[in-house]
Amino acid sequence: MKLQKNMLPIERWLRIYFGVIIVLVYFFNPYPYSWWTFSGYLVIATGVFGFCPIYGFLNGRKKSDGSTPTVN
């Protein structure tokens, strides 16, 4: 099964950026944020692969005019 990219490039970079921030917070203050690290890794993984399972489940993301965006 091949994962078809369903995210725009800017969204992919934003997910990677904020995922790294979430993971770095764990290294500075590990006790209350230890479970957040998993969500940070998950956000980074979806950004790297360009596939969001939630978007796939909802049959793709829709633009404001109702059409599905094309992602290369």
PDB file of N, CA and C in Angstrom:
ATOM      1  N   MET A   1       0.846  -1.186   0.000  1.00  0.00           N
ATOM      2  CA  MET A   1       0.000   0.000   0.000  1.00  0.00           C
ATOM      3  C   MET A   1       0.887   1.243   0.000  1.00  0.00           C
ATOM      4  N   LYS A   2       0.699   2.074  -0.973  1.00  0.00           N
ATOM      5  CA  LYS A   2       1.478   3.308  -1.084  1.00  0.00           C
ATOM      6  C   LYS A   2       0.676   4.455  -0.474  1.00  0.00           C
ATOM      7  N   LEU A   3       1.337   5.216   0.354  1.00  0.00           N
ATOM      8  CA  LEU A   3       0.674   6.367   0.960  1.00  0.00           C
ATOM      9  C   LEU A   3       0.729   7.536   0.001  1.00  0.00           C
ATOM     10  N   GLN A   4      -0.409   8.041  -0.384  1.00  0.00           N
ATOM     11  CA  GLN A   4      -0.473   9.184  -1.277  1.00  0.00           C
ATOM     12  C   GLN A   4      -0.433  10.454  -0.439  1.00  0.00           C
ATOM     13  N   LYS A   5       0.435  11.383  -0.826  1.00  0.00           N
ATOM     14  CA  LYS A   5       0.556  12.625  -0.073  1.00  0.00           C
ATOM     15  C   LYS A   5      -0.759  13.392  -0.131  1.00  0.00           C
ATOM     16  N   ASN A   6      -1.205  13.860   1.025  1.00  0.00           N
ATOM     17  CA  ASN A   6      -2.447  14.620   1.070  1.00  0.00           C
ATOM     18  C   ASN A   6      -2.300  15.921   1.852  1.00  0.00           C
ATOM     19  N   MET A   7      -1.060  16.422   1.948  1.00  0.00           N
ATOM     20  CA  MET A   7      -0.811  17.685   2.625  1.00  0.00           C
ATOM     21  C   MET A   7      -0.028  18.609   1.708  1.00  0.00           C
ATOM     22  N   LEU A   8      -0.261  19.888   1.870  1.00  0.00           N
ATOM     23  CA  LEU A   8       0.479  20.891   1.115  1.00  0.00           C
ATOM     24  C   LEU A   8       1.874  21.061   1.725  1.00  0.00           C
ATOM     25  N   PRO A   9       2.862  21.504   0.941  1.00  0.00           N
ATOM     26  CA  PRO A   9       4.237  21.629   1.455  1.00  0.00           C
ATOM     27  C   PRO A   9       4.355  22.540   2.678  1.00  0.00           C
ATOM     28  N   ILE A  10       3.634  23.635   2.713  1.00  0.00           N
ATOM     29  CA  ILE A  10       3.743  24.536   3.873  1.00  0.00           C
ATOM     30  C   ILE A  10       3.229  23.866   5.139  1.00  0.00           C
ATOM     31  N   GLU A  11       2.198  23.060   4.990  1.00  0.00           N
ATOM     32  CA  GLU A  11       1.663  22.347   6.144  1.00  0.00           C
ATOM     33  C   GLU A  11       2.642  21.287   6.634  1.00  0.00           C
ATOM     34  N   ARG A  12       3.333  20.653   5.707  1.00  0.00           N
ATOM     35  CA  ARG A  12       4.330  19.661   6.091  1.00  0.00           C
ATOM     36  C   ARG A  12       5.447  20.307   6.900  1.00  0.00           C
ATOM     37  N   TRP A  13       5.952  21.462   6.441  1.00  0.00           N
ATOM     38  CA  TRP A  13       7.031  22.146   7.162  1.00  0.00           C
ATOM     39  C   TRP A  13       6.568  22.641   8.520  1.00  0.00           C
ATOM     40  N   LEU A  14       5.344  23.127   8.604  1.00  0.00           N
ATOM     41  CA  LEU A  14       4.826  23.580   9.898  1.00  0.00           C
ATOM     42  C   LEU A  14       4.683  22.423  10.883  1.00  0.00           C
ATOM     43  N   ARG A  15       4.259  21.275  10.410  1.00  0.00           N
ATOM     44  CA  ARG A  15       4.153  20.116  11.292  1.00  0.00           C
ATOM     45  C   ARG A  15       5.520  19.685  11.804  1.00  0.00           C
ATOM     46  N   ILE A  16       6.516  19.680  10.924  1.00  0.00           N
ATOM     47  CA  ILE A  16       7.861  19.311  11.352  1.00  0.00           C
ATOM     48  C   ILE A  16       8.387  20.321  12.369  1.00  0.00           C
ATOM     49  N   TYR A  17       8.183  21.598  12.105  1.00  0.00           N
ATOM     50  CA  TYR A  17       8.663  22.662  12.991  1.00  0.00           C
ATOM     51  C   TYR A  17       8.040  22.538  14.385  1.00  0.00           C
ATOM     52  N   PHE A  18       6.714  22.443  14.446  1.00  0.00           N
ATOM     53  CA  PHE A  18       6.061  22.381  15.751  1.00  0.00           C
ATOM     54  C   PHE A  18       6.282  21.041  16.442  1.00  0.00           C
ATOM     55  N   GLY A  19       6.465  19.976  15.678  1.00  0.00           N
ATOM     56  CA  GLY A  19       6.792  18.688  16.282  1.00  0.00           C
ATOM     57  C   GLY A  19       8.145  18.720  16.971  1.00  0.00           C
ATOM     58  N   VAL A  20       9.112  19.355  16.336  1.00  0.00           N
ATOM     59  CA  VAL A  20      10.438  19.485  16.948  1.00  0.00           C
ATOM     60  C   VAL A  20      10.357  20.328  18.218  1.00  0.00           C
ATOM     61  N   ILE A  21       9.555  21.372  18.198  1.00  0.00           N
ATOM     62  CA  ILE A  21       9.391  22.200  19.406  1.00  0.00           C
ATOM     63  C   ILE A  21       8.796  21.380  20.549  1.00  0.00           C
ATOM     64  N   ILE A  22       7.787  20.568  20.246  1.00  0.00           N
ATOM     65  CA  ILE A  22       7.167  19.739  21.292  1.00  0.00           C
ATOM     66  C   ILE A  22       8.174  18.750  21.871  1.00  0.00           C
ATOM     67  N   VAL A  23       8.988  18.141  21.012  1.00  0.00           N
ATOM     68  CA  VAL A  23       9.984  17.186  21.487  1.00  0.00           C
ATOM     69  C   VAL A  23      11.060  17.896  22.303  1.00  0.00           C
ATOM     70  N   LEU A  24      11.479  19.082  21.894  1.00  0.00           N
ATOM     71  CA  LEU A  24      12.502  19.818  22.646  1.00  0.00           C
ATOM     72  C   LEU A  24      12.010  20.259  24.013  1.00  0.00           C
ATOM     73  N   VAL A  25      10.734  20.553  24.136  1.00  0.00           N
ATOM     74  CA  VAL A  25      10.185  20.920  25.452  1.00  0.00           C
ATOM     75  C   VAL A  25      10.380  19.775  26.434  1.00  0.00           C
ATOM     76  N   TYR A  26      10.244  18.552  25.959  1.00  0.00           N
ATOM     77  CA  TYR A  26      10.446  17.396  26.825  1.00  0.00           C
ATOM     78  C   TYR A  26      11.870  17.357  27.376  1.00  0.00           C
ATOM     79  N   PHE A  27      12.867  17.699  26.556  1.00  0.00           N
ATOM     80  CA  PHE A  27      14.244  17.631  27.012  1.00  0.00           C
ATOM     81  C   PHE A  27      14.582  18.720  28.025  1.00  0.00           C
ATOM     82  N   PHE A  28      13.852  19.828  27.998  1.00  0.00           N
ATOM     83  CA  PHE A  28      14.104  20.887  28.973  1.00  0.00           C
ATOM     84  C   PHE A  28      13.321  20.698  30.260  1.00  0.00           C
ATOM     85  N   ASN A  29      12.170  20.075  30.207  1.00  0.00           N
ATOM     86  CA  ASN A  29      11.351  19.864  31.395  1.00  0.00           C
ATOM     87  C   ASN A  29      10.590  18.545  31.224  1.00  0.00           C
ATOM     88  N   PRO A  30      11.239  17.403  31.513  1.00  0.00           N
ATOM     89  CA  PRO A  30      10.666  16.114  31.139  1.00  0.00           C
ATOM     90  C   PRO A  30       9.467  15.655  31.963  1.00  0.00           C
ATOM     91  N   TYR A  31       9.374  16.048  33.218  1.00  0.00           N
ATOM     92  CA  TYR A  31       8.351  15.422  34.059  1.00  0.00           C
ATOM     93  C   TYR A  31       6.915  15.648  33.588  1.00  0.00           C
ATOM     94  N   PRO A  32       6.422  16.870  33.505  1.00  0.00           N
ATOM     95  CA  PRO A  32       4.997  16.982  33.159  1.00  0.00           C
ATOM     96  C   PRO A  32       4.698  16.791  31.685  1.00  0.00           C
ATOM     97  N   TYR A  33       5.713  16.791  30.850  1.00  0.00           N
ATOM     98  CA  TYR A  33       5.478  16.747  29.412  1.00  0.00           C
ATOM     99  C   TYR A  33       5.928  15.440  28.768  1.00  0.00           C
ATOM    100  N   SER A  34       6.117  14.371  29.532  1.00  0.00           N
ATOM    101  CA  SER A  34       6.650  13.137  28.954  1.00  0.00           C
ATOM    102  C   SER A  34       5.699  12.509  27.946  1.00  0.00           C
ATOM    103  N   TRP A  35       4.404  12.624  28.128  1.00  0.00           N
ATOM    104  CA  TRP A  35       3.456  12.037  27.174  1.00  0.00           C
ATOM    105  C   TRP A  35       3.305  12.891  25.926  1.00  0.00           C
ATOM    106  N   TRP A  36       3.687  14.139  25.989  1.00  0.00           N
ATOM    107  CA  TRP A  36       3.611  15.006  24.817  1.00  0.00           C
ATOM    108  C   TRP A  36       4.649  14.620  23.772  1.00  0.00           C
ATOM    109  N   THR A  37       5.711  13.950  24.209  1.00  0.00           N
ATOM    110  CA  THR A  37       6.778  13.580  23.284  1.00  0.00           C
ATOM    111  C   THR A  37       6.244  12.672  22.180  1.00  0.00           C
ATOM    112  N   PHE A  38       5.360  11.746  22.536  1.00  0.00           N
ATOM    113  CA  PHE A  38       4.778  10.860  21.523  1.00  0.00           C
ATOM    114  C   PHE A  38       4.017  11.663  20.477  1.00  0.00           C
ATOM    115  N   SER A  39       3.245  12.651  20.921  1.00  0.00           N
ATOM    116  CA  SER A  39       2.498  13.455  19.945  1.00  0.00           C
ATOM    117  C   SER A  39       3.456  14.272  19.074  1.00  0.00           C
ATOM    118  N   GLY A  40       4.575  14.703  19.619  1.00  0.00           N
ATOM    119  CA  GLY A  40       5.570  15.420  18.829  1.00  0.00           C
ATOM    120  C   GLY A  40       6.165  14.535  17.750  1.00  0.00           C
ATOM    121  N   TYR A  41       6.486  13.292  18.111  1.00  0.00           N
ATOM    122  CA  TYR A  41       7.008  12.351  17.117  1.00  0.00           C
ATOM    123  C   TYR A  41       5.958  12.036  16.055  1.00  0.00           C
ATOM    124  N   LEU A  42       4.714  11.936  16.446  1.00  0.00           N
ATOM    125  CA  LEU A  42       3.638  11.658  15.500  1.00  0.00           C
ATOM    126  C   LEU A  42       3.461  12.808  14.506  1.00  0.00           C
ATOM    127  N   VAL A  43       3.534  14.040  15.009  1.00  0.00           N
ATOM    128  CA  VAL A  43       3.412  15.215  14.144  1.00  0.00           C
ATOM    129  C   VAL A  43       4.593  15.292  13.184  1.00  0.00           C
ATOM    130  N   ILE A  44       5.789  14.981  13.666  1.00  0.00           N
ATOM    131  CA  ILE A  44       6.969  14.978  12.796  1.00  0.00           C
ATOM    132  C   ILE A  44       6.832  13.908  11.716  1.00  0.00           C
ATOM    133  N   ALA A  45       6.370  12.725  12.091  1.00  0.00           N
ATOM    134  CA  ALA A  45       6.232  11.635  11.118  1.00  0.00           C
ATOM    135  C   ALA A  45       5.222  11.981  10.028  1.00  0.00           C
ATOM    136  N   THR A  46       4.093  12.577  10.398  1.00  0.00           N
ATOM    137  CA  THR A  46       3.114  12.939   9.371  1.00  0.00           C
ATOM    138  C   THR A  46       3.670  14.032   8.465  1.00  0.00           C
ATOM    139  N   GLY A  47       4.483  14.931   9.004  1.00  0.00           N
ATOM    140  CA  GLY A  47       5.093  15.966   8.178  1.00  0.00           C
ATOM    141  C   GLY A  47       6.139  15.417   7.230  1.00  0.00           C
ATOM    142  N   VAL A  48       6.924  14.464   7.689  1.00  0.00           N
ATOM    143  CA  VAL A  48       7.970  13.888   6.851  1.00  0.00           C
ATOM    144  C   VAL A  48       7.365  13.064   5.712  1.00  0.00           C
ATOM    145  N   PHE A  49       6.365  12.256   6.017  1.00  0.00           N
ATOM    146  CA  PHE A  49       5.769  11.398   4.994  1.00  0.00           C
ATOM    147  C   PHE A  49       4.751  12.129   4.131  1.00  0.00           C
ATOM    148  N   GLY A  50       4.216  13.238   4.606  1.00  0.00           N
ATOM    149  CA  GLY A  50       3.262  13.997   3.816  1.00  0.00           C
ATOM    150  C   GLY A  50       1.878  13.391   3.784  1.00  0.00           C
ATOM    151  N   PHE A  51       1.624  12.430   4.642  1.00  0.00           N
ATOM    152  CA  PHE A  51       0.330  11.762   4.690  1.00  0.00           C
ATOM    153  C   PHE A  51      -0.257  11.910   6.078  1.00  0.00           C
ATOM    154  N   CYS A  52      -1.467  12.436   6.145  1.00  0.00           N
ATOM    155  CA  CYS A  52      -2.174  12.548   7.409  1.00  0.00           C
ATOM    156  C   CYS A  52      -3.313  11.535   7.403  1.00  0.00           C
ATOM    157  N   PRO A  53      -3.311  10.576   8.325  1.00  0.00           N
ATOM    158  CA  PRO A  53      -4.361   9.564   8.335  1.00  0.00           C
ATOM    159  C   PRO A  53      -5.752  10.143   8.552  1.00  0.00           C
ATOM    160  N   ILE A  54      -5.851  11.228   9.268  1.00  0.00           N
ATOM    161  CA  ILE A  54      -7.157  11.842   9.497  1.00  0.00           C
ATOM    162  C   ILE A  54      -7.701  12.408   8.191  1.00  0.00           C
ATOM    163  N   TYR A  55      -6.836  13.037   7.401  1.00  0.00           N
ATOM    164  CA  TYR A  55      -7.263  13.538   6.095  1.00  0.00           C
ATOM    165  C   TYR A  55      -7.689  12.383   5.190  1.00  0.00           C
ATOM    166  N   GLY A  56      -6.937  11.295   5.242  1.00  0.00           N
ATOM    167  CA  GLY A  56      -7.290  10.131   4.439  1.00  0.00           C
ATOM    168  C   GLY A  56      -8.626   9.543   4.864  1.00  0.00           C
ATOM    169  N   PHE A  57      -8.870   9.520   6.156  1.00  0.00           N
ATOM    170  CA  PHE A  57     -10.133   8.996   6.669  1.00  0.00           C
ATOM    171  C   PHE A  57     -11.307   9.876   6.262  1.00  0.00           C
ATOM    172  N   LEU A  58     -11.088  11.164   6.255  1.00  0.00           N
ATOM    173  CA  LEU A  58     -12.155  12.100   5.891  1.00  0.00           C
ATOM    174  C   LEU A  58     -12.237  12.322   4.382  1.00  0.00           C
ATOM    175  N   ASN A  59     -11.541  11.482   3.618  1.00  0.00           N
ATOM    176  CA  ASN A  59     -11.557  11.532   2.157  1.00  0.00           C
ATOM    177  C   ASN A  59     -10.914  12.801   1.609  1.00  0.00           C
ATOM    178  N   GLY A  60      -9.812  13.173   2.186  1.00  0.00           N
ATOM    179  CA  GLY A  60      -9.055  14.315   1.673  1.00  0.00           C
ATOM    180  C   GLY A  60      -9.531  15.638   2.230  1.00  0.00           C
ATOM    181  N   ARG A  61      -8.671  16.592   2.108  1.00  0.00           N
ATOM    182  CA  ARG A  61      -8.955  17.929   2.587  1.00  0.00           C
ATOM    183  C   ARG A  61      -9.612  18.729   1.489  1.00  0.00           C
ATOM    184  N   LYS A  62     -10.510  19.597   1.840  1.00  0.00           N
ATOM    185  CA  LYS A  62     -11.230  20.399   0.853  1.00  0.00           C
ATOM    186  C   LYS A  62     -10.759  21.846   0.918  1.00  0.00           C
ATOM    187  N   LYS A  63     -10.686  22.481  -0.249  1.00  0.00           N
ATOM    188  CA  LYS A  63     -10.386  23.905  -0.310  1.00  0.00           C
ATOM    189  C   LYS A  63     -11.649  24.687   0.011  1.00  0.00           C
ATOM    190  N   SER A  64     -11.511  25.995   0.118  1.00  0.00           N
ATOM    191  CA  SER A  64     -12.669  26.832   0.431  1.00  0.00           C
ATOM    192  C   SER A  64     -13.724  26.791  -0.663  1.00  0.00           C
ATOM    193  N   ASP A  65     -13.320  26.502  -1.920  1.00  0.00           N
ATOM    194  CA  ASP A  65     -14.311  26.440  -2.999  1.00  0.00           C
ATOM    195  C   ASP A  65     -14.885  25.038  -3.158  1.00  0.00           C
ATOM    196  N   GLY A  66     -14.505  24.100  -2.289  1.00  0.00           N
ATOM    197  CA  GLY A  66     -15.065  22.759  -2.303  1.00  0.00           C
ATOM    198  C   GLY A  66     -14.292  21.738  -3.100  1.00  0.00           C
ATOM    199  N   SER A  67     -13.222  22.156  -3.774  1.00  0.00           N
ATOM    200  CA  SER A  67     -12.441  21.214  -4.573  1.00  0.00           C
ATOM    201  C   SER A  67     -11.303  20.628  -3.728  1.00  0.00           C
ATOM    202  N   THR A  68     -10.811  19.494  -4.153  1.00  0.00           N
ATOM    203  CA  THR A  68      -9.700  18.852  -3.465  1.00  0.00           C
ATOM    204  C   THR A  68      -8.392  19.420  -3.999  1.00  0.00           C
ATOM    205  N   PRO A  69      -7.442  19.803  -3.120  1.00  0.00           N
ATOM    206  CA  PRO A  69      -6.177  20.362  -3.602  1.00  0.00           C
ATOM    207  C   PRO A  69      -5.319  19.292  -4.265  1.00  0.00           C
ATOM    208  N   THR A  70      -4.537  19.692  -5.224  1.00  0.00           N
ATOM    209  CA  THR A  70      -3.598  18.785  -5.869  1.00  0.00           C
ATOM    210  C   THR A  70      -2.253  18.931  -5.188  1.00  0.00           C
ATOM    211  N   VAL A  71      -1.683  17.817  -4.789  1.00  0.00           N
ATOM    212  CA  VAL A  71      -0.383  17.791  -4.127  1.00  0.00           C
ATOM    213  C   VAL A  71       0.543  16.935  -4.954  1.00  0.00           C
ATOM    214  N   ASN A  72       1.717  17.462  -5.264  1.00  0.00           N
ATOM    215  CA  ASN A  72       2.684  16.720  -6.074  1.00  0.00           C
ATOM    216  C   ASN A  72       3.602  15.909  -5.207  1.00  0.00           C
TER     217      ASN A  72
END
